[in-house]
Structures are given as structure tokens and as C-alpha cells.
Amino acid sequence: MLSLLKEEKKVVGTKQAERALLSDQVKLVYIARDADSHVVNKLVDICKSKNIEVIYVNTMEELGKACEIDVNAASVALLK
């Protein structure tokens, strides 16, 4: 599933993912399990309310590498 992050259009970061979710541009969200819950809880709630699947990744480092960026990522949203 992480291979989609290299191929498809995405936004990286919780604030950008939230903006994309609120404007109905998202089809799937990845969240790192080790991200601070106060950072990603709102994102999870929005996904639940909009019936958007959330896929959990073990670490923020793993999620950042899957996106081919040099920093850790708490969340990533795949765009429609």
C-alpha cells in the first residue's frame, strides 16, 4: 500500500491533509502510529465523518521515506 505514495498525487503533513479533506479532495489517508495523538486526532475524526479509509503506518520516519522526503511525516493524504 505504501507504493501508492510514490505514484499518486498527495499532500504531506497534517495541516495540508486536513485542508484537502475539508475540500473533499482526498481518497485515502496514511497516519503514523507514533505521531502525537493531539496532532492527528482531528484528522482521524474528519476521515470517519467522511467515510475515508485511514491506513496506519508504524513510524513517522517510515511514512516520510515512503513519500521520498527527507523528514518524518505524521500524515499523508492521497488526492482524488
C-alpha atoms as a PDB file:
ATOM      1  CA  MET A   1       0.000   0.000   0.000  1.00  0.00           C
ATOM      2  CA  LEU A   2       2.874   2.405   0.646  1.00  0.00           C
ATOM      3  CA  SER A   3       3.896   2.117  -3.009  1.00  0.00           C
ATOM      4  CA  LEU A   4       0.900   4.324  -3.853  1.00  0.00           C
ATOM      5  CA  LEU A   5       2.686   7.200  -2.126  1.00  0.00           C
ATOM      6  CA  LYS A   6       5.374   7.232  -4.806  1.00  0.00           C
ATOM      7  CA  GLU A   7       2.965   7.032  -7.727  1.00  0.00           C
ATOM      8  CA  GLU A   8      -0.062   9.148  -6.886  1.00  0.00           C
ATOM      9  CA  LYS A   9      -0.687  12.811  -6.161  1.00  0.00           C
ATOM     10  CA  LYS A  10      -0.558  13.539  -2.440  1.00  0.00           C
ATOM     11  CA  VAL A  11      -0.218  16.156   0.268  1.00  0.00           C
ATOM     12  CA  VAL A  12       2.201  15.599   3.129  1.00  0.00           C
ATOM     13  CA  GLY A  13       1.567  16.889   6.623  1.00  0.00           C
ATOM     14  CA  THR A  14      -1.417  17.062   8.915  1.00  0.00           C
ATOM     15  CA  LYS A  15      -2.434  20.658   8.161  1.00  0.00           C
ATOM     16  CA  GLN A  16      -2.323  20.142   4.396  1.00  0.00           C
ATOM     17  CA  ALA A  17      -4.145  16.808   4.714  1.00  0.00           C
ATOM     18  CA  GLU A  18      -6.849  18.458   6.818  1.00  0.00           C
ATOM     19  CA  ARG A  19      -7.331  21.238   4.257  1.00  0.00           C
ATOM     20  CA  ALA A  20      -7.612  18.701   1.446  1.00  0.00           C
ATOM     21  CA  LEU A  21     -10.096  16.615   3.467  1.00  0.00           C
ATOM     22  CA  LEU A  22     -12.301  19.610   4.190  1.00  0.00           C
ATOM     23  CA  SER A  23     -12.408  20.457   0.483  1.00  0.00           C
ATOM     24  CA  ASP A  24     -13.314  16.839  -0.453  1.00  0.00           C
ATOM     25  CA  GLN A  25     -10.121  16.171  -2.427  1.00  0.00           C
ATOM     26  CA  VAL A  26      -8.947  13.063  -0.530  1.00  0.00           C
ATOM     27  CA  LYS A  27      -9.489   9.379  -1.232  1.00  0.00           C
ATOM     28  CA  LEU A  28      -7.163   7.825   1.373  1.00  0.00           C
ATOM     29  CA  VAL A  29      -5.151   8.943   4.421  1.00  0.00           C
ATOM     30  CA  TYR A  30      -1.989   7.440   5.913  1.00  0.00           C
ATOM     31  CA  ILE A  31      -1.201   8.169   9.565  1.00  0.00           C
ATOM     32  CA  ALA A  32       1.920   7.203  11.507  1.00  0.00           C
ATOM     33  CA  ARG A  33       1.211   5.234  14.689  1.00  0.00           C
ATOM     34  CA  ASP A  34       3.946   7.103  16.577  1.00  0.00           C
ATOM     35  CA  ALA A  35       2.554  10.556  15.720  1.00  0.00           C
ATOM     36  CA  ASP A  36       1.303  12.583  18.676  1.00  0.00           C
ATOM     37  CA  SER A  37      -2.387  11.843  19.108  1.00  0.00           C
ATOM     38  CA  HIS A  38      -3.240  15.512  19.664  1.00  0.00           C
ATOM     39  CA  VAL A  39      -1.787  16.198  16.207  1.00  0.00           C
ATOM     40  CA  VAL A  40      -3.702  13.547  14.246  1.00  0.00           C
ATOM     41  CA  ASN A  41      -6.941  13.010  16.222  1.00  0.00           C
ATOM     42  CA  LYS A  42      -8.827  15.726  14.336  1.00  0.00           C
ATOM     43  CA  LEU A  43      -7.705  14.193  11.048  1.00  0.00           C
ATOM     44  CA  VAL A  44      -8.998  10.770  12.109  1.00  0.00           C
ATOM     45  CA  ASP A  45     -12.339  12.313  13.136  1.00  0.00           C
ATOM     46  CA  ILE A  46     -12.732  14.053   9.777  1.00  0.00           C
ATOM     47  CA  CYS A  47     -11.919  10.809   7.953  1.00  0.00           C
ATOM     48  CA  LYS A  48     -14.559   8.948   9.972  1.00  0.00           C
ATOM     49  CA  SER A  49     -17.207  11.573   9.257  1.00  0.00           C
ATOM     50  CA  LYS A  50     -16.432  11.496   5.513  1.00  0.00           C
ATOM     51  CA  ASN A  51     -16.003   7.692   5.323  1.00  0.00           C
ATOM     52  CA  ILE A  52     -12.415   7.961   4.132  1.00  0.00           C
ATOM     53  CA  GLU A  53     -10.149   4.998   4.817  1.00  0.00           C
ATOM     54  CA  VAL A  54      -7.231   5.516   7.205  1.00  0.00           C
ATOM     55  CA  ILE A  55      -4.164   3.304   6.864  1.00  0.00           C
ATOM     56  CA  TYR A  56      -1.770   3.241   9.789  1.00  0.00           C
ATOM     57  CA  VAL A  57       1.980   3.085   9.233  1.00  0.00           C
ATOM     58  CA  ASN A  58       4.324   2.081  12.066  1.00  0.00           C
ATOM     59  CA  THR A  59       6.521   5.184  12.226  1.00  0.00           C
ATOM     60  CA  MET A  60       6.682   8.757  11.024  1.00  0.00           C
ATOM     61  CA  GLU A  61      10.136   8.000   9.619  1.00  0.00           C
ATOM     62  CA  GLU A  62       8.748   5.125   7.529  1.00  0.00           C
ATOM     63  CA  LEU A  63       5.955   7.354   6.213  1.00  0.00           C
ATOM     64  CA  GLY A  64       8.395  10.124   5.295  1.00  0.00           C
ATOM     65  CA  LYS A  65      10.651   7.677   3.439  1.00  0.00           C
ATOM     66  CA  ALA A  66       7.678   6.205   1.579  1.00  0.00           C
ATOM     67  CA  CYS A  67       6.898   9.732   0.349  1.00  0.00           C
ATOM     68  CA  GLU A  68      10.534  10.130  -0.691  1.00  0.00           C
ATOM     69  CA  ILE A  69      11.080  13.124   1.581  1.00  0.00           C
ATOM     70  CA  ASP A  70      13.972  13.705   3.980  1.00  0.00           C
ATOM     71  CA  VAL A  71      11.833  14.404   7.044  1.00  0.00           C
ATOM     72  CA  ASN A  72       9.377  12.415   9.112  1.00  0.00           C
ATOM     73  CA  ALA A  73       5.655  12.693   8.312  1.00  0.00           C
ATOM     74  CA  ALA A  74       2.778  12.280  10.751  1.00  0.00           C
ATOM     75  CA  SER A  75       0.201  12.012   7.974  1.00  0.00           C
ATOM     76  CA  VAL A  76      -0.207  11.928   4.216  1.00  0.00           C
ATOM     77  CA  ALA A  77      -3.375  12.230   2.142  1.00  0.00           C
ATOM     78  CA  LEU A  78      -3.755  10.735  -1.324  1.00  0.00           C
ATOM     79  CA  LEU A  79      -5.729  13.026  -3.572  1.00  0.00           C
ATOM     80  CA  LYS A  80      -8.577  12.059  -5.870  1.00  0.00           C
END
